[in-house]
C-alpha atoms as a PDB file:
ATOM      1  CA  MET A   1     -92.403 -63.798 124.251  1.00  0.00           C
ATOM      2  CA  PHE A   2     -90.445 -61.064 122.239  1.00  0.00           C
ATOM      3  CA  TRP A   3     -92.170 -61.563 118.512  1.00  0.00           C
ATOM      4  CA  ARG A   4     -95.407 -60.300 119.955  1.00  0.00           C
ATOM      5  CA  ARG A   5     -96.169 -57.195 118.816  1.00  0.00           C
ATOM      6  CA  SER A   6     -96.837 -54.369 121.137  1.00  0.00           C
ATOM      7  CA  MET A   7    -100.231 -52.224 120.330  1.00  0.00           C
ATOM      8  CA  PHE A   8     -97.798 -48.955 121.951  1.00  0.00           C
ATOM      9  CA  LEU A   9     -95.279 -49.959 119.227  1.00  0.00           C
ATOM     10  CA  ALA A  10     -97.577 -50.231 116.541  1.00  0.00           C
ATOM     11  CA  SER A  11     -99.438 -47.061 117.261  1.00  0.00           C
ATOM     12  CA  ARG A  12     -96.214 -45.113 117.910  1.00  0.00           C
ATOM     13  CA  TYR A  13     -95.597 -44.224 114.210  1.00  0.00           C
ATOM     14  CA  GLN A  14     -99.424 -44.458 113.387  1.00  0.00           C
ATOM     15  CA  GLY A  15    -100.124 -41.472 111.074  1.00  0.00           C
ATOM     16  CA  ALA A  16     -96.068 -40.531 110.988  1.00  0.00           C
ATOM     17  CA  VAL A  17     -94.487 -39.782 107.605  1.00  0.00           C
ATOM     18  CA  ALA A  18     -91.168 -40.970 106.708  1.00  0.00           C
ATOM     19  CA  ALA A  19     -89.501 -40.400 103.635  1.00  0.00           C
ATOM     20  CA  LEU A  20     -88.200 -43.028 101.068  1.00  0.00           C
ATOM     21  CA  ALA A  21     -85.258 -42.227  98.976  1.00  0.00           C
ATOM     22  CA  THR A  22     -85.684 -43.601  95.573  1.00  0.00           C
ATOM     23  CA  ARG A  23     -86.405 -42.712  92.032  1.00  0.00           C
ATOM     24  CA  HIS A  24     -87.134 -45.968  91.045  1.00  0.00           C
ATOM     25  CA  GLY A  25     -90.753 -46.578  92.234  1.00  0.00           C
ATOM     26  CA  LYS A  26     -89.885 -48.843  95.386  1.00  0.00           C
ATOM     27  CA  GLU A  27     -92.641 -47.373  97.100  1.00  0.00           C
ATOM     28  CA  ALA A  28     -95.010 -49.484  95.884  1.00  0.00           C
ATOM     29  CA  ALA A  29     -93.225 -52.045  97.574  1.00  0.00           C
ATOM     30  CA  VAL A  30     -92.453 -50.113 100.803  1.00  0.00           C
ATOM     31  CA  ALA A  31     -95.408 -48.281 101.696  1.00  0.00           C
ATOM     32  CA  PRO A  32     -97.919 -51.163 101.989  1.00  0.00           C
ATOM     33  CA  ALA A  33     -95.914 -53.105 104.260  1.00  0.00           C
ATOM     34  CA  MET A  34     -95.424 -49.644 106.535  1.00  0.00           C
ATOM     35  CA  ALA A  35     -98.959 -48.867 106.282  1.00  0.00           C
ATOM     36  CA  GLU A  36    -100.170 -52.480 107.485  1.00  0.00           C
ATOM     37  CA  ALA A  37     -97.635 -52.902 109.877  1.00  0.00           C
ATOM     38  CA  LEU A  38     -96.967 -49.431 111.521  1.00  0.00           C
ATOM     39  CA  GLY A  39     -99.945 -47.084 109.993  1.00  0.00           C
ATOM     40  CA  LEU A  40     -96.732 -45.282 108.853  1.00  0.00           C
ATOM     41  CA  GLU A  41     -97.139 -43.183 105.568  1.00  0.00           C
ATOM     42  CA  ILE A  42     -94.509 -42.666 103.240  1.00  0.00           C
ATOM     43  CA  MET A  43     -93.503 -39.650 101.256  1.00  0.00           C
ATOM     44  CA  VAL A  44     -91.157 -39.834  98.002  1.00  0.00           C
ATOM     45  CA  PRO A  45     -89.279 -36.591  97.502  1.00  0.00           C
ATOM     46  CA  ALA A  46     -89.303 -35.416  94.094  1.00  0.00           C
ATOM     47  CA  GLU A  47     -86.265 -34.979  92.023  1.00  0.00           C
ATOM     48  CA  LEU A  48     -83.901 -36.851  94.335  1.00  0.00           C
ATOM     49  CA  ASP A  49     -80.713 -37.731  92.669  1.00  0.00           C
ATOM     50  CA  THR A  50     -80.202 -41.239  94.297  1.00  0.00           C
ATOM     51  CA  ASP A  51     -77.946 -42.338  91.851  1.00  0.00           C
ATOM     52  CA  SER A  52     -75.237 -39.829  92.865  1.00  0.00           C
ATOM     53  CA  LEU A  53     -74.605 -42.392  95.554  1.00  0.00           C
ATOM     54  CA  GLY A  54     -73.645 -45.276  92.608  1.00  0.00           C
ATOM     55  CA  THR A  55     -75.307 -46.943  89.787  1.00  0.00           C
ATOM     56  CA  PHE A  56     -75.706 -50.385  89.050  1.00  0.00           C
ATOM     57  CA  THR A  57     -74.198 -50.136  85.412  1.00  0.00           C
ATOM     58  CA  GLY A  58     -71.097 -48.239  86.776  1.00  0.00           C
ATOM     59  CA  GLU A  59     -70.945 -44.846  85.858  1.00  0.00           C
ATOM     60  CA  LEU A  60     -70.818 -43.562  89.405  1.00  0.00           C
ATOM     61  CA  PRO A  61     -68.867 -46.367  91.768  1.00  0.00           C
ATOM     62  CA  ARG A  62     -70.593 -46.659  95.332  1.00  0.00           C
ATOM     63  CA  PRO A  63     -68.800 -44.682  97.895  1.00  0.00           C
ATOM     64  CA  ALA A  64     -69.549 -46.914 100.790  1.00  0.00           C
ATOM     65  CA  SER A  65     -70.573 -50.211 101.936  1.00  0.00           C
ATOM     66  CA  MET A  66     -74.298 -51.146 101.334  1.00  0.00           C
ATOM     67  CA  ARG A  67     -75.602 -50.277 104.955  1.00  0.00           C
ATOM     68  CA  GLU A  68     -73.539 -46.937 104.585  1.00  0.00           C
ATOM     69  CA  THR A  69     -74.921 -46.398 101.408  1.00  0.00           C
ATOM     70  CA  ALA A  70     -78.497 -46.935 102.451  1.00  0.00           C
ATOM     71  CA  ARG A  71     -77.859 -44.664 105.255  1.00  0.00           C
ATOM     72  CA  LEU A  72     -76.806 -41.476 103.196  1.00  0.00           C
ATOM     73  CA  LYS A  73     -79.912 -42.486 101.121  1.00  0.00           C
ATOM     74  CA  ALA A  74     -82.057 -42.154 103.916  1.00  0.00           C
ATOM     75  CA  ARG A  75     -80.588 -39.116 105.323  1.00  0.00           C
ATOM     76  CA  MET A  76     -80.785 -37.851 102.046  1.00  0.00           C
ATOM     77  CA  GLY A  77     -84.654 -38.099 101.828  1.00  0.00           C
ATOM     78  CA  MET A  78     -85.019 -36.798 105.232  1.00  0.00           C
ATOM     79  CA  ALA A  79     -82.782 -33.500 104.522  1.00  0.00           C
ATOM     80  CA  ALA A  80     -84.981 -33.229 101.544  1.00  0.00           C
ATOM     81  CA  THR A  81     -88.338 -33.105 102.989  1.00  0.00           C
ATOM     82  CA  GLY A  82     -87.458 -31.822 106.267  1.00  0.00           C
ATOM     83  CA  LEU A  83     -88.882 -35.306 107.928  1.00  0.00           C
ATOM     84  CA  ARG A  84     -87.609 -36.592 111.059  1.00  0.00           C
ATOM     85  CA  LEU A  85     -88.076 -40.454 109.915  1.00  0.00           C
ATOM     86  CA  GLY A  86     -86.599 -41.904 106.990  1.00  0.00           C
ATOM     87  CA  LEU A  87     -86.228 -45.213 104.562  1.00  0.00           C
ATOM     88  CA  ALA A  88     -84.093 -46.307 102.103  1.00  0.00           C
ATOM     89  CA  SER A  89     -82.845 -49.580 100.281  1.00  0.00           C
ATOM     90  CA  GLU A  90     -79.545 -50.853  98.605  1.00  0.00           C
ATOM     91  CA  GLY A  91     -79.152 -53.990  96.495  1.00  0.00           C
ATOM     92  CA  SER A  92     -76.735 -55.959  94.948  1.00  0.00           C
ATOM     93  CA  PHE A  93     -76.353 -58.882  92.580  1.00  0.00           C
ATOM     94  CA  GLY A  94     -74.091 -61.676  92.083  1.00  0.00           C
ATOM     95  CA  PRO A  95     -73.063 -65.159  93.173  1.00  0.00           C
ATOM     96  CA  HIS A  96     -75.200 -66.513  95.905  1.00  0.00           C
ATOM     97  CA  PRO A  97     -73.126 -66.972  98.678  1.00  0.00           C
ATOM     98  CA  ALA A  98     -73.381 -70.448  99.444  1.00  0.00           C
ATOM     99  CA  ILE A  99     -73.877 -71.530  95.726  1.00  0.00           C
ATOM    100  CA  PRO A 100     -71.785 -69.578  93.934  1.00  0.00           C
ATOM    101  CA  PHE A 101     -73.119 -71.344  90.667  1.00  0.00           C
ATOM    102  CA  LEU A 102     -76.492 -69.477  91.407  1.00  0.00           C
ATOM    103  CA  PRO A 103     -76.959 -65.701  91.029  1.00  0.00           C
ATOM    104  CA  ALA A 104     -78.328 -64.245  94.106  1.00  0.00           C
ATOM    105  CA  ALA A 105     -79.994 -60.820  95.362  1.00  0.00           C
ATOM    106  CA  HIS A 106     -79.004 -59.181  98.554  1.00  0.00           C
ATOM    107  CA  GLU A 107     -81.018 -56.325  99.426  1.00  0.00           C
ATOM    108  CA  LEU A 108     -80.547 -54.259 102.601  1.00  0.00           C
ATOM    109  CA  MET A 109     -83.678 -51.486 103.998  1.00  0.00           C
ATOM    110  CA  ILE A 110     -82.990 -49.060 106.524  1.00  0.00           C
ATOM    111  CA  PHE A 111     -85.445 -47.012 108.987  1.00  0.00           C
ATOM    112  CA  ILE A 112     -83.976 -44.037 110.704  1.00  0.00           C
ATOM    113  CA  ASP A 113     -85.781 -42.461 113.603  1.00  0.00           C
ATOM    114  CA  GLN A 114     -83.850 -39.144 114.261  1.00  0.00           C
ATOM    115  CA  ASP A 115     -85.568 -38.229 117.381  1.00  0.00           C
ATOM    116  CA  SER A 116     -85.035 -41.596 119.132  1.00  0.00           C
ATOM    117  CA  GLY A 117     -81.411 -42.205 117.278  1.00  0.00           C
ATOM    118  CA  LEU A 118     -82.507 -45.600 116.313  1.00  0.00           C
ATOM    119  CA  GLU A 119     -81.531 -47.117 112.913  1.00  0.00           C
ATOM    120  CA  ILE A 120     -83.210 -50.262 112.132  1.00  0.00           C
ATOM    121  CA  ALA A 121     -81.884 -52.336 109.348  1.00  0.00           C
ATOM    122  CA  GLU A 122     -82.946 -55.593 107.688  1.00  0.00           C
ATOM    123  CA  GLU A 123     -81.783 -57.811 104.656  1.00  0.00           C
ATOM    124  CA  GLN A 124     -81.999 -60.828 102.825  1.00  0.00           C
ATOM    125  CA  VAL A 125     -79.702 -62.738 100.244  1.00  0.00           C
ATOM    126  CA  SER A 126     -82.439 -64.559  98.010  1.00  0.00           C
ATOM    127  CA  PRO A 127     -81.779 -66.680  94.780  1.00  0.00           C
ATOM    128  CA  ASP A 128     -85.205 -65.512  93.349  1.00  0.00           C
ATOM    129  CA  THR A 129     -83.218 -62.694  90.714  1.00  0.00           C
ATOM    130  CA  ASN A 130     -83.084 -62.297  87.179  1.00  0.00           C
ATOM    131  CA  PHE A 131     -79.646 -61.328  87.384  1.00  0.00           C
ATOM    132  CA  ALA A 132     -77.874 -62.177  84.064  1.00  0.00           C
ATOM    133  CA  ALA A 133     -75.815 -61.267  81.078  1.00  0.00           C
ATOM    134  CA  LEU A 134     -74.951 -62.429  77.825  1.00  0.00           C
ATOM    135  CA  ASP A 135     -72.393 -61.240  75.208  1.00  0.00           C
ATOM    136  CA  VAL A 136     -73.957 -61.010  71.948  1.00  0.00           C
ATOM    137  CA  THR A 137     -72.390 -63.122  69.107  1.00  0.00           C
ATOM    138  CA  PRO A 138     -73.564 -65.309  66.319  1.00  0.00           C
ATOM    139  CA  GLU A 139     -73.369 -68.314  68.585  1.00  0.00           C
ATOM    140  CA  ALA A 140     -75.295 -66.581  71.490  1.00  0.00           C
ATOM    141  CA  ASP A 141     -78.327 -67.906  72.744  1.00  0.00           C
ATOM    142  CA  LEU A 142     -80.278 -64.482  72.380  1.00  0.00           C
ATOM    143  CA  GLU A 143     -83.397 -65.904  72.921  1.00  0.00           C
ATOM    144  CA  GLY A 144     -82.873 -68.446  75.848  1.00  0.00           C
ATOM    145  CA  PHE A 145     -81.237 -65.185  77.593  1.00  0.00           C
ATOM    146  CA  LEU A 146     -84.324 -62.981  76.834  1.00  0.00           C
ATOM    147  CA  THR A 147     -86.745 -65.699  78.385  1.00  0.00           C
ATOM    148  CA  ARG A 148     -84.806 -66.345  81.177  1.00  0.00           C
ATOM    149  CA  ALA A 149     -84.832 -62.274  81.714  1.00  0.00           C
ATOM    150  CA  GLY A 150     -88.203 -62.266  81.751  1.00  0.00           C
ATOM    151  CA  PHE A 151     -88.276 -59.568  78.737  1.00  0.00           C
ATOM    152  CA  PRO A 152     -90.040 -57.673  77.979  1.00  0.00           C
ATOM    153  CA  ALA A 153     -91.352 -57.684  81.622  1.00  0.00           C
ATOM    154  CA  HIS A 154     -88.089 -57.246  83.067  1.00  0.00           C
ATOM    155  CA  ALA A 155     -86.147 -54.662  81.335  1.00  0.00           C
ATOM    156  CA  VAL A 156     -82.545 -54.874  79.706  1.00  0.00           C
ATOM    157  CA  ILE A 157     -79.464 -53.089  79.348  1.00  0.00           C
ATOM    158  CA  LEU A 158     -77.147 -52.541  76.295  1.00  0.00           C
ATOM    159  CA  ARG A 159     -73.188 -52.036  76.753  1.00  0.00           C
ATOM    160  CA  GLY A 160     -71.094 -51.518  73.713  1.00  0.00           C
ATOM    161  CA  GLU A 161     -69.623 -49.088  71.577  1.00  0.00           C
ATOM    162  CA  GLY A 162     -68.806 -46.800  74.220  1.00  0.00           C
ATOM    163  CA  ARG A 163     -72.555 -46.308  75.471  1.00  0.00           C
ATOM    164  CA  ILE A 164     -75.141 -47.868  77.406  1.00  0.00           C
ATOM    165  CA  VAL A 165     -78.668 -47.967  76.789  1.00  0.00           C
ATOM    166  CA  LYS A 166     -80.558 -48.508  79.761  1.00  0.00           C
ATOM    167  CA  GLY A 167     -84.577 -49.264  80.164  1.00  0.00           C
ATOM    168  CA  ILE A 168     -84.834 -51.636  76.948  1.00  0.00           C
ATOM    169  CA  ALA A 169     -88.305 -52.860  77.455  1.00  0.00           C
ATOM    170  CA  ALA A 170     -89.380 -53.520  73.412  1.00  0.00           C
ATOM    171  CA  ARG A 171     -88.296 -56.055  71.695  1.00  0.00           C
ATOM    172  CA  ASP A 172     -88.291 -53.838  68.452  1.00  0.00           C
ATOM    173  CA  GLN A 173     -86.183 -51.308  70.276  1.00  0.00           C
ATOM    174  CA  LEU A 174     -83.605 -53.854  71.177  1.00  0.00           C
ATOM    175  CA  ASP A 175     -83.344 -55.594  67.610  1.00  0.00           C
ATOM    176  CA  ASP A 176     -82.754 -52.030  66.025  1.00  0.00           C
ATOM    177  CA  LEU A 177     -80.185 -51.263  68.412  1.00  0.00           C
ATOM    178  CA  LEU A 178     -78.284 -54.742  67.780  1.00  0.00           C
ATOM    179  CA  ARG A 179     -78.745 -54.271  64.148  1.00  0.00           C
ATOM    180  CA  ARG A 180     -77.014 -51.000  64.251  1.00  0.00           C
ATOM    181  CA  ALA A 181     -74.082 -52.188  66.683  1.00  0.00           C
ATOM    182  CA  GLY A 182     -70.748 -51.767  65.177  1.00  0.00           C
ATOM    183  CA  GLY A 183     -69.004 -53.567  67.469  1.00  0.00           C
ATOM    184  CA  PRO A 184     -69.371 -56.303  70.199  1.00  0.00           C
ATOM    185  CA  VAL A 185     -72.296 -55.569  72.621  1.00  0.00           C
ATOM    186  CA  ARG A 186     -73.386 -56.916  75.955  1.00  0.00           C
ATOM    187  CA  LEU A 187     -76.856 -57.226  77.052  1.00  0.00           C
ATOM    188  CA  GLU A 188     -77.532 -57.194  81.034  1.00  0.00           C
ATOM    189  CA  THR A 189     -80.443 -57.065  83.260  1.00  0.00           C
ATOM    190  CA  ASP A 190     -82.054 -53.757  84.094  1.00  0.00           C
ATOM    191  CA  MET A 191     -81.535 -54.214  88.172  1.00  0.00           C
ATOM    192  CA  ARG A 192     -83.423 -50.787  88.903  1.00  0.00           C
ATOM    193  CA  ALA A 193     -86.575 -51.739  90.588  1.00  0.00           C
ATOM    194  CA  HIS A 194     -89.263 -50.171  88.703  1.00  0.00           C
ATOM    195  CA  LEU A 195     -88.099 -52.053  85.468  1.00  0.00           C
ATOM    196  CA  ASN A 196     -87.751 -55.524  87.571  1.00  0.00           C
ATOM    197  CA  PRO A 197     -90.831 -56.992  88.857  1.00  0.00           C
ATOM    198  CA  THR A 198     -88.920 -60.047  90.451  1.00  0.00           C
ATOM    199  CA  ARG A 199     -86.531 -57.213  92.418  1.00  0.00           C
ATOM    200  CA  MET A 200     -90.189 -55.578  93.142  1.00  0.00           C
ATOM    201  CA  ALA A 201     -91.073 -58.419  94.844  1.00  0.00           C
ATOM    202  CA  GLY A 202     -88.096 -59.199  96.790  1.00  0.00           C
ATOM    203  CA  LEU A 203     -88.172 -55.601  98.459  1.00  0.00           C
ATOM    204  CA  ALA A 204     -91.849 -56.170  99.353  1.00  0.00           C
ATOM    205  CA  SER A 205     -90.783 -59.303 101.030  1.00  0.00           C
ATOM    206  CA  LEU A 206     -88.236 -57.384 102.920  1.00  0.00           C
ATOM    207  CA  ALA A 207     -90.027 -54.356 103.454  1.00  0.00           C
ATOM    208  CA  THR A 208     -92.699 -56.648 105.438  1.00  0.00           C
ATOM    209  CA  LYS A 209     -89.781 -57.736 107.129  1.00  0.00           C
ATOM    210  CA  LEU A 210     -88.740 -54.808 108.382  1.00  0.00           C
ATOM    211  CA  ALA A 211     -91.778 -53.184 109.002  1.00  0.00           C
ATOM    212  CA  GLN A 212     -92.383 -56.335 111.530  1.00  0.00           C
ATOM    213  CA  ARG A 213     -89.150 -55.772 113.107  1.00  0.00           C
ATOM    214  CA  ILE A 214     -89.683 -51.748 113.532  1.00  0.00           C
ATOM    215  CA  ALA A 215     -92.856 -52.962 115.492  1.00  0.00           C
ATOM    216  CA  THR A 216     -91.372 -55.574 117.708  1.00  0.00           C
ATOM    217  CA  PRO A 217     -90.603 -54.339 121.271  1.00  0.00           C
ATOM    218  CA  CYS A 218     -87.628 -54.757 123.337  1.00  0.00           C
ATOM    219  CA  PRO A 219     -88.889 -56.942 126.460  1.00  0.00           C
ATOM    220  CA  ALA A 220     -86.364 -55.286 128.475  1.00  0.00           C
ATOM    221  CA  CYS A 221     -87.208 -51.484 127.630  1.00  0.00           C
ATOM    222  CA  GLY A 222     -89.776 -51.478 124.920  1.00  0.00           C
ATOM    223  CA  ALA A 223     -87.934 -50.132 122.409  1.00  0.00           C
ATOM    224  CA  PRO A 224     -88.939 -50.509 118.587  1.00  0.00           C
ATOM    225  CA  GLY A 225     -86.380 -53.037 116.504  1.00  0.00           C
ATOM    226  CA  PHE A 226     -85.806 -55.994 118.541  1.00  0.00           C
ATOM    227  CA  GLY A 227     -84.599 -58.825 116.399  1.00  0.00           C
ATOM    228  CA  VAL A 228     -81.679 -60.843 115.212  1.00  0.00           C
ATOM    229  CA  ILE A 229     -78.430 -59.188 115.192  1.00  0.00           C
ATOM    230  CA  ARG A 230     -76.552 -62.732 114.427  1.00  0.00           C
ATOM    231  CA  ALA A 231     -76.305 -66.293 114.176  1.00  0.00           C
ATOM    232  CA  GLU A 232     -74.645 -68.576 115.976  1.00  0.00           C
ATOM    233  CA  ARG A 233     -73.240 -71.802 114.133  1.00  0.00           C
ATOM    234  CA  GLY A 234     -72.000 -75.315 115.660  1.00  0.00           C
ATOM    235  CA  LEU A 235     -75.490 -77.259 115.259  1.00  0.00           C
ATOM    236  CA  ALA A 236     -74.576 -80.799 116.531  1.00  0.00           C
ATOM    237  CA  CYS A 237     -74.595 -83.876 114.141  1.00  0.00           C
ATOM    238  CA  GLU A 238     -77.167 -86.420 114.992  1.00  0.00           C
ATOM    239  CA  GLU A 239     -74.757 -89.026 114.469  1.00  0.00           C
ATOM    240  CA  CYS A 240     -71.273 -87.949 115.913  1.00  0.00           C
ATOM    241  CA  GLY A 241     -72.680 -85.107 117.824  1.00  0.00           C
ATOM    242  CA  ALA A 242     -69.308 -83.044 116.128  1.00  0.00           C
ATOM    243  CA  PRO A 243     -70.234 -79.460 115.278  1.00  0.00           C
ATOM    244  CA  THR A 244     -71.256 -78.212 112.022  1.00  0.00           C
ATOM    245  CA  SER A 245     -71.303 -75.015 110.204  1.00  0.00           C
ATOM    246  CA  LEU A 246     -75.244 -74.644 110.364  1.00  0.00           C
ATOM    247  CA  VAL A 247     -76.864 -72.348 112.377  1.00  0.00           C
ATOM    248  CA  LYS A 248     -77.357 -73.909 115.738  1.00  0.00           C
ATOM    249  CA  LYS A 249     -79.233 -70.797 117.490  1.00  0.00           C
ATOM    250  CA  LEU A 250     -80.185 -66.978 116.891  1.00  0.00           C
ATOM    251  CA  VAL A 251     -79.064 -64.057 119.114  1.00  0.00           C
ATOM    252  CA  PHE A 252     -81.973 -61.455 119.202  1.00  0.00           C
ATOM    253  CA  GLY A 253     -80.852 -58.068 120.462  1.00  0.00           C
ATOM    254  CA  CYS A 254     -81.801 -54.194 121.219  1.00  0.00           C
ATOM    255  CA  GLN A 255     -80.278 -51.392 119.852  1.00  0.00           C
ATOM    256  CA  ALA A 256     -81.646 -49.054 122.567  1.00  0.00           C
ATOM    257  CA  CYS A 257     -80.158 -50.732 125.924  1.00  0.00           C
ATOM    258  CA  GLY A 258     -78.072 -53.720 124.545  1.00  0.00           C
ATOM    259  CA  HIS A 259     -80.401 -56.156 126.300  1.00  0.00           C
ATOM    260  CA  GLN A 260     -80.100 -59.682 124.306  1.00  0.00           C
ATOM    261  CA  GLU A 261     -82.013 -62.778 124.274  1.00  0.00           C
ATOM    262  CA  THR A 262     -80.976 -66.452 122.248  1.00  0.00           C
ATOM    263  CA  GLY A 263     -83.547 -68.097 120.444  1.00  0.00           C
ATOM    264  CA  PRO A 264     -83.889 -71.362 118.093  1.00  0.00           C
ATOM    265  CA  ARG A 265     -83.471 -71.487 114.723  1.00  0.00           C
ATOM    266  CA  PRO A 266     -86.679 -71.093 112.973  1.00  0.00           C
ATOM    267  CA  ASP A 267     -87.286 -74.169 111.845  1.00  0.00           C
ATOM    268  CA  SER A 268     -86.618 -75.792 115.320  1.00  0.00           C
ATOM    269  CA  ARG A 269     -84.162 -77.945 113.955  1.00  0.00           C
ATOM    270  CA  ALA A 270     -82.019 -79.677 116.670  1.00  0.00           C
ATOM    271  CA  HIS A 271     -79.600 -81.783 114.783  1.00  0.00           C
ATOM    272  CA  ALA A 272     -77.625 -81.929 111.685  1.00  0.00           C
ATOM    273  CA  THR A 273     -77.869 -84.595 109.540  1.00  0.00           C
ATOM    274  CA  PRO A 274     -74.575 -87.206 108.849  1.00  0.00           C
ATOM    275  CA  ALA A 275     -74.321 -86.046 104.893  1.00  0.00           C
ATOM    276  CA  GLU A 276     -74.106 -82.295 106.440  1.00  0.00           C
ATOM    277  CA  CYS A 277     -71.405 -83.044 109.042  1.00  0.00           C
ATOM    278  CA  PRO A 278     -67.720 -82.906 107.791  1.00  0.00           C
ATOM    279  CA  GLU A 279     -66.867 -85.932 110.419  1.00  0.00           C
ATOM    280  CA  CYS A 280     -69.375 -88.140 108.974  1.00  0.00           C
ATOM    281  CA  ASN A 281     -69.164 -86.829 105.309  1.00  0.00           C
ATOM    282  CA  PRO A 282     -65.726 -85.353 104.882  1.00  0.00           C
END
C-alpha cells in the first residue's frame, strides 16, 4: 500500500531546485534520479569547501557522525544558494560489517526541506568498492594492486615522505613519483567520487533509493518520505523454530506524524535454514 507513489508527492517538488553540496561531481549521480522520480532540479554551489567537514585522507578529521556531517553539508549548500531544499551525501570505507575480510562502502544521503521541517535520509552498505591500500616494497605486487583498484580509470593516492599526492590517474605520473620517492610510500585508492567510477555508481543507486523514498507518501498523513526506519531480527529456523539473527520483518515509519507499519522482508522469506540457526548449527 505505502510503496505506491502518489502524483501529489511526485509533483510536490516538480520544478523546484535543491542545493547539492559537493565539490566532487556527485551531481552526475544525483541529478538524474531526482529529476526522474520527483521532477526536482539540482544546483551545485560554486566554490563550496565541503572538505572543511573532513577528508578521506585525514588532513581534516570528520567532526561528527556521517548523518550529522551530511546534514551540515546540505545546510552549507542551502546557505550558499539561498535555497530551501538541500541534498548531500557522506561515505566511509572499511571492513564489511558482516564479512570483515571484505571491504565495504557505507554511503548515506540526506534531503532537507526547510519549509516543512522534513529531513529524509537513506543509506546503504555494499561490497561493491575498490577500497584498498598497498605498502610499496620490492616484494609488493604493484601490478596486482593497480588492477584490483581499477587504475587508471580509478585514481590512486600516494602517501609518504610527509606528503600526500591525490588524484594520480596516469601511469607515467605514478612511476615518476615512485622513482623519486626517498622513503617508504603507501598507495591508496582515491575514494573521491569524481575520480572513482565504482563509488559514483553506488551513489547513483543510493540517489534512486532516496528519490523513491521522498516520493512515497505516508498512508496516514500523506507527508513524503515514508520508508524503513528499522529492521526487527528473529527470523525463525524452519527446522527447530528457534529465532535467528536474520531479519524477520521491517518497520516503516513517517517522520512527520510518527505513523508506523510493519512489512515482510523484501525477499518474502518466512524461515531461516538450519545452517543459519545457532541451535541447529552452533
